[in-house]
Amino acid sequence: MKNLKSILLVIFVFISALNAQTIQWRWSRSKFYVSPEGNSIHFVGSAYLADFYERRGLVWWQADLASFWTGFAWEIKDGFLYHRTVPIIGSDGFSTMDIYVNILGIVSNRVLNITVEKFLRINKRNQKYIHDPGHFYY
């Protein structure tokens, strides 16, 4: 969580360093079907971040929360930076649809991890259980 606070601090320092004319809060009213490529980036990115944070040692719920807050911080950045004045990292505005897609990506990552783990029936030592059909008895 300390890293997330650092990321938020960098974002807000960057925003405050910009010219006051470029900083105006904007709401994006885009729907799900308007930008499928943007939605897929949010979906895959939040799922990847949740898995990334978990593989770096966070507990699963901490990884999911860190991924959510990273996406939320990105949307705050989008709310302040307009893509016509800041072309590379700007956006149309703060989008609640992007946050919903982020949550969907995090949940699908969690469901996929649980189902794959149960499907493969792997224990903590990464050995297959004896009841696994692939296990041969000698």
Protein backbone atom coordinates (compact mmCIF):
# COMPACT_ATOMS: atom_id res chain seq x y z
CA MET A 1 0.00 0.00 0.00
CA LYS A 2 2.99 2.28 0.51
CA ASN A 3 3.81 2.01 -3.19
CA LEU A 4 0.23 2.95 -4.08
CA LYS A 5 0.48 6.07 -1.94
CA SER A 6 3.72 6.94 -3.71
CA ILE A 7 2.05 6.51 -7.11
CA LEU A 8 -0.84 8.75 -6.06
CA LEU A 9 1.60 11.36 -4.78
CA VAL A 10 3.50 11.37 -8.08
CA ILE A 11 0.25 11.74 -10.02
CA PHE A 12 -0.92 14.68 -7.94
CA VAL A 13 2.47 16.39 -8.04
CA PHE A 14 2.50 15.98 -11.82
CA ILE A 15 -1.01 17.39 -12.09
CA SER A 16 -0.19 20.36 -9.87
CA ALA A 17 2.95 21.07 -11.90
CA LEU A 18 0.93 21.56 -15.08
CA ASN A 19 -0.46 24.85 -16.17
CA ALA A 20 -3.73 25.73 -14.42
CA GLN A 21 -5.47 26.12 -17.79
CA THR A 22 -4.95 22.46 -18.64
CA ILE A 23 -6.33 21.24 -15.32
CA GLN A 24 -10.09 21.07 -15.35
CA TRP A 25 -12.17 18.26 -13.97
CA ARG A 26 -14.03 16.38 -16.69
CA TRP A 27 -16.52 13.54 -16.56
CA SER A 28 -16.54 11.01 -19.35
CA ARG A 29 -19.95 9.75 -20.33
CA SER A 30 -18.68 7.01 -22.59
CA LYS A 31 -20.64 3.78 -22.69
CA PHE A 32 -19.23 0.26 -22.82
CA TYR A 33 -19.75 -0.14 -26.56
CA VAL A 34 -18.21 3.22 -27.51
CA SER A 35 -14.57 2.25 -26.96
CA PRO A 36 -14.08 -1.53 -26.88
CA GLU A 37 -10.31 -1.18 -27.20
CA GLY A 38 -10.15 1.07 -24.16
CA ASN A 39 -12.38 -1.28 -22.20
CA SER A 40 -10.26 -4.27 -23.12
CA ILE A 41 -7.14 -2.42 -21.96
CA HIS A 42 -8.79 -1.66 -18.62
CA PHE A 43 -10.05 -5.25 -18.30
CA VAL A 44 -6.76 -6.96 -19.10
CA GLY A 45 -4.67 -4.35 -17.30
CA SER A 46 -6.53 -4.62 -14.00
CA ALA A 47 -6.54 -8.43 -14.16
CA TYR A 48 -2.81 -8.40 -14.88
CA LEU A 49 -2.10 -5.95 -12.06
CA ALA A 50 -4.04 -8.06 -9.55
CA ASP A 51 -2.06 -11.13 -10.57
CA PHE A 52 1.19 -9.14 -10.63
CA TYR A 53 0.68 -7.80 -7.10
CA GLU A 54 -0.23 -11.27 -5.83
CA ARG A 55 2.86 -12.85 -7.37
CA ARG A 56 4.98 -10.15 -5.72
CA GLY A 57 3.91 -11.32 -2.26
CA LEU A 58 0.65 -9.59 -1.44
CA VAL A 59 -2.27 -11.60 -0.09
CA TRP A 60 -4.99 -12.10 -2.73
CA TRP A 61 -7.36 -9.51 -1.29
CA GLN A 62 -4.55 -6.96 -0.90
CA ALA A 63 -3.53 -7.56 -4.51
CA ASP A 64 -7.11 -7.04 -5.66
CA LEU A 65 -7.42 -3.82 -3.66
CA ALA A 66 -4.08 -2.54 -4.92
CA SER A 67 -5.17 -3.20 -8.50
CA PHE A 68 -8.48 -1.43 -7.89
CA TRP A 69 -6.84 1.65 -6.35
CA THR A 70 -4.28 1.81 -9.12
CA GLY A 71 -7.10 1.90 -11.67
CA PHE A 72 -8.97 4.47 -9.59
CA ALA A 73 -5.88 6.70 -9.42
CA TRP A 74 -5.56 6.39 -13.19
CA GLU A 75 -9.16 7.53 -13.59
CA ILE A 76 -8.51 10.52 -11.34
CA LYS A 77 -5.62 11.39 -13.64
CA ASP A 78 -8.00 11.02 -16.59
CA GLY A 79 -10.44 13.39 -14.92
CA PHE A 80 -7.84 16.14 -14.75
CA LEU A 81 -5.84 15.72 -17.94
CA TYR A 82 -7.68 16.28 -21.20
CA HIS A 83 -6.29 14.45 -24.23
CA ARG A 84 -6.32 17.54 -26.45
CA THR A 85 -4.11 19.55 -24.10
CA VAL A 86 -1.95 16.64 -22.86
CA PRO A 87 -1.93 14.30 -25.87
CA ILE A 88 0.07 11.31 -24.66
CA ILE A 89 -1.43 10.59 -21.24
CA GLY A 90 -4.63 12.59 -21.37
CA SER A 91 -8.16 11.23 -21.62
CA ASP A 92 -11.76 12.33 -22.10
CA GLY A 93 -12.40 12.43 -18.36
CA PHE A 94 -13.20 10.40 -15.28
CA SER A 95 -15.15 7.36 -16.43
CA THR A 96 -17.21 5.22 -14.06
CA MET A 97 -17.53 2.68 -16.87
CA ASP A 98 -13.75 2.20 -16.81
CA ILE A 99 -13.90 1.56 -13.07
CA TYR A 100 -16.65 -1.05 -13.61
CA VAL A 101 -14.52 -2.73 -16.27
CA ASN A 102 -11.54 -2.67 -13.87
CA ILE A 103 -13.63 -4.41 -11.22
CA LEU A 104 -14.79 -6.94 -13.79
CA GLY A 105 -11.16 -7.65 -14.72
CA ILE A 106 -10.15 -8.10 -11.08
CA VAL A 107 -13.06 -10.44 -10.38
CA SER A 108 -12.44 -12.48 -13.52
CA ASN A 109 -8.77 -12.82 -12.56
CA ARG A 110 -9.79 -14.12 -9.14
CA VAL A 111 -12.33 -16.57 -10.61
CA LEU A 112 -9.83 -17.78 -13.20
CA ASN A 113 -7.15 -18.35 -10.55
CA ILE A 114 -9.55 -20.32 -8.34
CA THR A 115 -10.93 -22.48 -11.16
CA VAL A 116 -7.53 -23.24 -12.69
CA GLU A 117 -6.14 -24.16 -9.28
CA LYS A 118 -9.08 -26.47 -8.57
CA PHE A 119 -8.98 -27.91 -12.07
CA LEU A 120 -5.32 -28.81 -11.83
CA ARG A 121 -5.71 -29.99 -8.22
CA ILE A 122 -2.34 -28.70 -7.18
CA ASN A 123 -1.41 -28.69 -3.49
CA LYS A 124 1.02 -26.34 -1.79
CA ARG A 125 4.08 -28.40 -2.76
CA ASN A 126 3.04 -28.31 -6.45
CA GLN A 127 2.55 -32.06 -6.53
CA LYS A 128 -0.49 -33.73 -8.03
CA TYR A 129 -2.85 -35.50 -5.69
CA ILE A 130 -2.96 -39.29 -5.84
CA HIS A 131 -6.59 -39.16 -7.00
CA ASP A 132 -5.57 -37.29 -10.10
CA PRO A 133 -6.39 -39.36 -13.23
CA GLY A 134 -2.93 -38.60 -14.61
CA HIS A 135 -1.25 -40.30 -11.67
CA PHE A 136 -0.02 -43.83 -12.45
CA TYR A 137 0.09 -46.54 -9.84
CA TYR A 138 3.10 -48.84 -9.95
